[in-house]
């Protein structure tokens, strides 16, 4: 009986053991995400932009007239957050929003000349951050990193806990 109690205690301890902070991959991903965010924020700040504003202008420059909902999806923010971003960009004169010529309930959003100028200024510095990041890896390592990150994404987005 003493052996069984010992085994039960050992199993109970193993089940209750916590992962250390260092063991948790999520903590490493979060740290790097915050470091990238800080670098991008510093890069776009001289242009008078935040990272979300920069992202919105970047997508709008590639796809003028895109809907706010699609813009939110492309920028990985909620529609409510995108509404605030667009309101701030419009107040600053960096975008213009006009009704679609055929669909009056659809608002088209486009960068203004000032918006394109701010985007160009911000993008030079933001692209430098991306180049510096890419330079830390060989092409093969970068491909491996992309593949590993895709696996992380798949693991997280197919997690059964999300369906409960």
Protein backbone atom coordinates (compact mmCIF):
# COMPACT_ATOMS: atom_id res chain seq x y z
CA UNK A 1 0.00 0.00 0.00
CA UNK A 2 2.86 2.41 0.72
CA UNK A 3 4.18 1.89 -2.82
CA UNK A 4 0.75 2.59 -4.30
CA UNK A 5 0.41 5.79 -2.24
CA UNK A 6 3.87 6.85 -3.42
CA UNK A 7 2.93 6.23 -7.06
CA UNK A 8 -0.38 8.08 -6.66
CA UNK A 9 1.44 11.05 -5.10
CA UNK A 10 4.02 11.05 -7.91
CA UNK A 11 1.31 10.97 -10.60
CA UNK A 12 -0.66 13.70 -8.82
CA UNK A 13 2.50 15.85 -8.65
CA UNK A 14 3.22 15.31 -12.36
CA UNK A 15 -0.34 16.24 -13.31
CA UNK A 16 -0.25 19.38 -11.20
CA UNK A 17 3.25 20.48 -12.27
CA UNK A 18 3.30 23.84 -13.93
CA UNK A 19 5.38 24.71 -16.93
CA UNK A 20 8.04 27.26 -16.14
CA UNK A 21 8.00 30.61 -17.90
CA UNK A 22 11.05 29.59 -19.95
CA UNK A 23 9.37 26.36 -21.08
CA UNK A 24 6.35 28.21 -22.42
CA UNK A 25 6.78 28.94 -26.12
CA UNK A 26 4.01 31.52 -25.89
CA UNK A 27 6.12 33.70 -23.57
CA UNK A 28 8.94 33.75 -26.15
CA UNK A 29 6.51 34.55 -28.97
CA UNK A 30 4.95 37.36 -26.94
CA UNK A 31 8.35 38.86 -26.07
CA UNK A 32 9.44 38.91 -29.71
CA UNK A 33 6.07 40.29 -30.83
CA UNK A 34 6.43 43.14 -28.33
CA UNK A 35 10.00 43.83 -29.45
CA UNK A 36 8.88 43.97 -33.09
CA UNK A 37 5.98 46.25 -32.15
CA UNK A 38 8.34 48.59 -30.27
CA UNK A 39 10.78 48.72 -33.20
CA UNK A 40 7.98 49.40 -35.70
CA UNK A 41 6.45 52.01 -33.40
CA UNK A 42 9.76 53.86 -33.18
CA UNK A 43 10.15 53.57 -36.95
CA UNK A 44 6.79 55.11 -37.88
CA UNK A 45 6.56 57.72 -35.10
CA UNK A 46 8.59 60.41 -36.97
CA UNK A 47 5.92 60.28 -39.70
CA UNK A 48 3.28 61.04 -37.06
CA UNK A 49 1.77 57.56 -37.30
CA UNK A 50 1.06 54.68 -34.97
CA UNK A 51 1.70 51.10 -36.14
CA UNK A 52 -2.05 50.44 -36.68
CA UNK A 53 -2.37 53.69 -38.69
CA UNK A 54 0.70 52.76 -40.72
CA UNK A 55 -0.74 49.29 -41.40
CA UNK A 56 -4.07 50.79 -42.51
CA UNK A 57 -2.36 53.28 -44.85
CA UNK A 58 -0.12 50.51 -46.20
CA UNK A 59 -3.11 48.31 -47.10
CA UNK A 60 -5.15 51.26 -48.42
CA UNK A 61 -2.26 52.25 -50.67
CA UNK A 62 -2.23 48.75 -52.14
CA UNK A 63 -6.03 48.46 -52.30
CA UNK A 64 -7.68 51.89 -52.47
CA UNK A 65 -11.41 51.75 -51.85
CA UNK A 66 -11.26 48.56 -49.76
CA UNK A 67 -14.12 48.23 -47.27
CA UNK A 68 -13.47 49.05 -43.63
CA UNK A 69 -14.39 45.48 -42.65
CA UNK A 70 -11.87 43.99 -45.07
CA UNK A 71 -9.28 46.55 -44.01
CA UNK A 72 -9.79 45.48 -40.38
CA UNK A 73 -9.28 41.83 -41.36
CA UNK A 74 -6.12 42.64 -43.33
CA UNK A 75 -4.72 44.71 -40.45
CA UNK A 76 -5.65 42.08 -37.83
CA UNK A 77 -7.82 44.40 -35.74
CA UNK A 78 -11.51 44.44 -34.85
CA UNK A 79 -13.93 46.47 -36.97
CA UNK A 80 -14.47 48.77 -33.98
CA UNK A 81 -10.73 49.43 -33.70
CA UNK A 82 -10.52 50.08 -37.43
CA UNK A 83 -13.33 52.63 -37.15
CA UNK A 84 -11.25 54.54 -34.60
CA UNK A 85 -8.10 54.26 -36.72
CA UNK A 86 -9.94 55.57 -39.80
CA UNK A 87 -11.54 58.40 -37.84
CA UNK A 88 -8.10 59.51 -36.60
CA UNK A 89 -6.54 59.23 -40.07
CA UNK A 90 -9.40 61.21 -41.57
CA UNK A 91 -9.13 63.92 -38.88
CA UNK A 92 -5.42 64.22 -39.69
CA UNK A 93 -6.21 64.60 -43.40
CA UNK A 94 -4.38 61.36 -44.28
CA UNK A 95 -7.37 59.57 -45.84
CA UNK A 96 -10.60 60.53 -47.56
CA UNK A 97 -13.82 58.58 -47.27
CA UNK A 98 -16.46 58.92 -49.94
CA UNK A 99 -19.67 57.04 -50.79
CA UNK A 100 -19.29 54.43 -53.52
CA UNK A 101 -20.73 55.78 -56.80
CA UNK A 102 -23.14 52.84 -57.19
CA UNK A 103 -23.63 51.52 -53.66
CA UNK A 104 -24.49 54.47 -51.43
CA UNK A 105 -24.13 52.43 -48.21
CA UNK A 106 -20.54 51.50 -49.07
CA UNK A 107 -17.87 53.99 -48.06
CA UNK A 108 -14.65 53.92 -50.06
CA UNK A 109 -11.46 54.90 -48.29
CA UNK A 110 -8.35 56.19 -50.01
CA UNK A 111 -5.11 57.79 -48.84
CA UNK A 112 -4.76 61.51 -49.56
CA UNK A 113 -1.54 63.01 -50.91
CA UNK A 114 -0.58 63.80 -47.30
CA UNK A 115 -1.40 60.20 -46.35
CA UNK A 116 0.83 58.82 -49.09
CA UNK A 117 3.63 61.16 -48.01
CA UNK A 118 3.33 60.00 -44.37
CA UNK A 119 3.18 56.38 -45.54
CA UNK A 120 6.30 56.79 -47.69
CA UNK A 121 8.20 58.36 -44.80
CA UNK A 122 7.07 55.68 -42.34
CA UNK A 123 7.59 52.81 -44.76
CA UNK A 124 11.24 53.65 -45.38
CA UNK A 125 11.93 53.22 -41.69
CA UNK A 126 9.55 50.27 -41.15
CA UNK A 127 11.03 48.43 -44.12
CA UNK A 128 14.48 48.97 -42.58
CA UNK A 129 13.25 47.17 -39.45
CA UNK A 130 12.03 44.28 -41.62
CA UNK A 131 15.32 44.18 -43.55
CA UNK A 132 17.33 44.13 -40.33
CA UNK A 133 15.15 41.27 -39.07
CA UNK A 134 15.54 39.33 -42.34
CA UNK A 135 19.31 39.89 -42.32
CA UNK A 136 19.57 37.94 -39.06
CA UNK A 137 18.66 34.75 -40.96
CA UNK A 138 19.88 32.87 -43.99
CA UNK A 139 17.24 32.31 -46.67
CA UNK A 140 16.89 28.70 -45.52
CA UNK A 141 16.53 29.77 -41.88
CA UNK A 142 13.89 32.36 -42.80
CA UNK A 143 11.94 29.70 -44.72
CA UNK A 144 12.22 27.36 -41.71
CA UNK A 145 11.06 30.12 -39.37
CA UNK A 146 8.04 30.84 -41.59
CA UNK A 147 7.18 27.13 -41.64
CA UNK A 148 7.52 26.86 -37.86
CA UNK A 149 5.37 29.94 -37.31
CA UNK A 150 2.75 28.48 -39.66
CA UNK A 151 2.73 25.34 -37.51
CA UNK A 152 2.34 27.46 -34.38
CA UNK A 153 -0.59 29.27 -36.00
CA UNK A 154 -2.22 26.03 -37.10
CA UNK A 155 -1.78 24.52 -33.65
CA UNK A 156 -3.39 27.54 -32.00
CA UNK A 157 -6.23 28.05 -34.46
CA UNK A 158 -7.27 24.38 -34.46
CA UNK A 159 -7.07 24.01 -30.69
CA UNK A 160 -10.25 22.26 -29.43
CA UNK A 161 -10.35 24.68 -26.48
CA UNK A 162 -11.39 27.41 -28.95
CA UNK A 163 -14.53 25.48 -29.81
CA UNK A 164 -15.76 25.20 -26.24
